[in-house]
Amino acid sequence: MILVLLFGLFACNTKNADTNAMQKQIDSLKNELSQVYKPGFGFLMTNIQAHHAKLWFAGVNKNWKLAQFEIKELKEISDEIQKYQKQREETKLMDMIEPALTDLSRAVENKNLTGFKKSFTDLTIACNDCHKLTDFEYNIVKVPQNLEFSNQEFKVP
């Protein structure tokens, strides 16, 4: 009987030590996770702005493969915003750009320059509408006029 009690006490102490060791590991991992880089909303929006411009120049130059790639990039960044910035009010409105992106994809797939320009304008308007709804009305997006990316060829090779 005494052996059973001693075994029980030893087992409890071992379990308690294991629990403490596990809790220390959990705390350490939580600390490490809190230090992991998470892209900020502004960083992600700047990437959207860059791909928005590149999409325009790809489309008006009828570089349909590049235009489709840039649409894919815009969708990926939108997904990243949903993943990393889901607590932001602005994130909840990101779906506003989906109809324009769908129309853009269709225009690019059909190699329809007129449809592309209209859908691109709709995308730009959707961006500005979102900015207005989230009190960033001073951040106005427009159809690009100047080629900011002079180190990339937008014409079809």
Protein backbone atom coordinates (compact mmCIF):
# COMPACT_ATOMS: atom_id res chain seq x y z
CA MET A 1 0.00 0.00 0.00
CA ILE A 2 2.82 2.37 0.89
CA LEU A 3 4.49 1.58 -2.44
CA VAL A 4 1.30 2.47 -4.31
CA LEU A 5 1.06 5.81 -2.47
CA LEU A 6 4.72 6.59 -3.13
CA PHE A 7 4.29 5.72 -6.79
CA GLY A 8 1.22 7.99 -6.96
CA LEU A 9 3.10 10.91 -5.38
CA PHE A 10 6.04 10.42 -7.71
CA ALA A 11 3.72 10.27 -10.72
CA CYS A 12 1.96 13.48 -9.66
CA ASN A 13 5.23 15.33 -9.18
CA THR A 14 6.51 14.17 -12.57
CA LYS A 15 3.27 15.25 -14.21
CA ASN A 16 3.51 18.65 -12.52
CA ALA A 17 7.11 19.08 -13.67
CA ASP A 18 6.12 18.10 -17.22
CA THR A 19 3.25 20.59 -17.15
CA ASN A 20 5.56 23.37 -15.98
CA ALA A 21 8.10 22.56 -18.69
CA MET A 22 5.35 22.56 -21.33
CA GLN A 23 4.01 25.88 -20.08
CA LYS A 24 7.49 27.40 -20.35
CA GLN A 25 7.73 26.17 -23.95
CA ILE A 26 4.31 27.59 -24.74
CA ASP A 27 5.24 30.95 -23.21
CA SER A 28 8.50 30.96 -25.17
CA LEU A 29 6.70 30.19 -28.45
CA LYS A 30 4.09 32.90 -27.77
CA ASN A 31 6.92 35.38 -27.26
CA GLU A 32 8.59 34.32 -30.50
CA LEU A 33 5.31 34.59 -32.43
CA SER A 34 4.74 38.09 -31.11
CA GLN A 35 8.07 39.09 -32.67
CA VAL A 36 7.27 37.68 -36.14
CA TYR A 37 6.96 40.32 -38.86
CA LYS A 38 3.42 41.17 -39.87
CA PRO A 39 3.07 43.49 -42.88
CA GLY A 40 1.35 46.74 -42.05
CA PHE A 41 -1.74 48.01 -43.82
CA GLY A 42 0.14 50.89 -45.44
CA PHE A 43 2.83 48.54 -46.75
CA LEU A 44 0.21 46.30 -48.33
CA MET A 45 -1.68 49.27 -49.79
CA THR A 46 1.52 50.61 -51.33
CA ASN A 47 1.95 47.24 -53.03
CA ILE A 48 -1.61 47.47 -54.32
CA GLN A 49 -0.83 50.91 -55.70
CA ALA A 50 2.26 49.62 -57.51
CA HIS A 51 0.40 46.69 -59.07
CA HIS A 52 -2.54 48.95 -59.95
CA ALA A 53 -0.15 51.12 -61.99
CA LYS A 54 1.62 48.17 -63.55
CA LEU A 55 -1.73 46.64 -64.50
CA TRP A 56 -2.69 49.81 -66.34
CA PHE A 57 0.48 49.93 -68.42
CA ALA A 58 0.30 46.21 -69.17
CA GLY A 59 -3.31 46.55 -70.34
CA VAL A 60 -2.96 49.65 -72.51
CA ASN A 61 0.05 48.01 -74.15
CA LYS A 62 -2.04 44.87 -74.75
CA ASN A 63 0.41 42.77 -72.78
CA TRP A 64 -2.41 40.48 -71.69
CA LYS A 65 -0.21 37.91 -69.94
CA LEU A 66 1.38 40.61 -67.80
CA ALA A 67 -2.03 42.18 -67.13
CA GLN A 68 -3.38 38.82 -65.91
CA PHE A 69 -0.31 38.43 -63.71
CA GLU A 70 -0.89 41.87 -62.17
CA ILE A 71 -4.54 41.04 -61.46
CA LYS A 72 -3.35 37.89 -59.70
CA GLU A 73 -0.92 39.98 -57.66
CA LEU A 74 -3.71 42.37 -56.64
CA LYS A 75 -5.83 39.42 -55.50
CA GLU A 76 -2.93 37.96 -53.51
CA ILE A 77 -2.32 41.26 -51.73
CA SER A 78 -6.03 41.52 -50.98
CA ASP A 79 -5.82 38.04 -49.43
CA GLU A 80 -2.81 39.12 -47.37
CA ILE A 81 -4.75 42.12 -46.09
CA GLN A 82 -7.57 39.76 -45.07
CA LYS A 83 -5.03 37.53 -43.31
CA TYR A 84 -2.77 40.05 -41.58
CA GLN A 85 -5.02 43.06 -41.08
CA LYS A 86 -8.43 41.50 -40.45
CA GLN A 87 -9.06 43.71 -37.41
CA ARG A 88 -8.96 46.90 -39.50
CA GLU A 89 -12.23 48.49 -40.54
CA GLU A 90 -10.82 49.04 -44.03
CA THR A 91 -10.28 45.32 -44.47
CA LYS A 92 -13.99 44.66 -44.11
CA LEU A 93 -14.58 46.73 -47.27
CA MET A 94 -11.93 45.10 -49.47
CA ASP A 95 -14.62 43.09 -51.24
CA MET A 96 -15.62 46.34 -52.98
CA ILE A 97 -12.88 45.76 -55.54
CA GLU A 98 -13.91 42.19 -56.42
CA PRO A 99 -16.48 43.01 -59.14
CA ALA A 100 -14.00 45.26 -60.94
CA LEU A 101 -11.24 42.64 -60.68
CA THR A 102 -13.60 40.01 -62.09
CA ASP A 103 -14.51 42.32 -64.99
CA LEU A 104 -10.84 43.11 -65.54
CA SER A 105 -9.98 39.42 -65.68
CA ARG A 106 -12.72 38.88 -68.25
CA ALA A 107 -11.56 41.83 -70.37
CA VAL A 108 -7.96 40.62 -70.25
CA GLU A 109 -8.98 37.06 -71.08
CA ASN A 110 -10.93 38.37 -74.08
CA LYS A 111 -8.12 40.80 -75.01
CA ASN A 112 -10.68 43.60 -74.96
CA LEU A 113 -8.92 46.94 -74.58
CA THR A 114 -12.15 48.95 -74.29
CA GLY A 115 -13.49 46.58 -71.61
CA PHE A 116 -10.13 46.70 -69.85
CA LYS A 117 -10.13 50.50 -69.67
CA LYS A 118 -13.71 50.61 -68.38
CA SER A 119 -13.07 47.90 -65.75
CA PHE A 120 -9.82 49.56 -64.71
CA THR A 121 -11.69 52.85 -64.22
CA ASP A 122 -14.31 50.97 -62.18
CA LEU A 123 -11.53 49.48 -60.03
CA THR A 124 -10.06 52.92 -59.46
CA ILE A 125 -13.48 54.31 -58.50
CA ALA A 126 -14.00 51.37 -56.09
CA CYS A 127 -10.66 52.14 -54.42
CA ASN A 128 -11.62 55.77 -53.97
CA ASP A 129 -15.10 54.85 -52.69
CA CYS A 130 -13.48 52.61 -50.08
CA HIS A 131 -11.13 55.42 -49.08
CA LYS A 132 -14.12 57.76 -48.64
CA LEU A 133 -16.02 55.23 -46.51
CA THR A 134 -13.02 54.75 -44.22
CA ASP A 135 -12.17 58.45 -43.80
CA PHE A 136 -9.17 58.31 -46.13
CA GLU A 137 -10.89 60.46 -48.75
CA TYR A 138 -7.69 62.50 -49.08
CA ASN A 139 -5.95 59.42 -50.52
CA ILE A 140 -7.14 59.63 -54.11
CA VAL A 141 -6.17 56.96 -56.61
CA LYS A 142 -6.19 57.76 -60.31
CA VAL A 143 -5.44 56.15 -63.64
CA PRO A 144 -1.66 56.38 -63.99
CA GLN A 145 -0.31 58.94 -66.43
CA ASN A 146 3.42 58.46 -66.11
CA LEU A 147 5.34 55.24 -66.21
CA GLU A 148 6.78 54.92 -62.69
CA PHE A 149 8.46 51.63 -63.48
CA SER A 150 11.03 52.60 -66.04
CA ASN A 151 12.95 49.40 -65.35
CA GLN A 152 10.18 47.17 -66.74
CA GLU A 153 9.01 46.68 -70.32
CA PHE A 154 5.22 46.75 -70.66
CA LYS A 155 4.99 46.30 -74.43
CA VAL A 156 4.59 42.79 -75.72
CA PRO A 157 8.01 41.43 -76.68
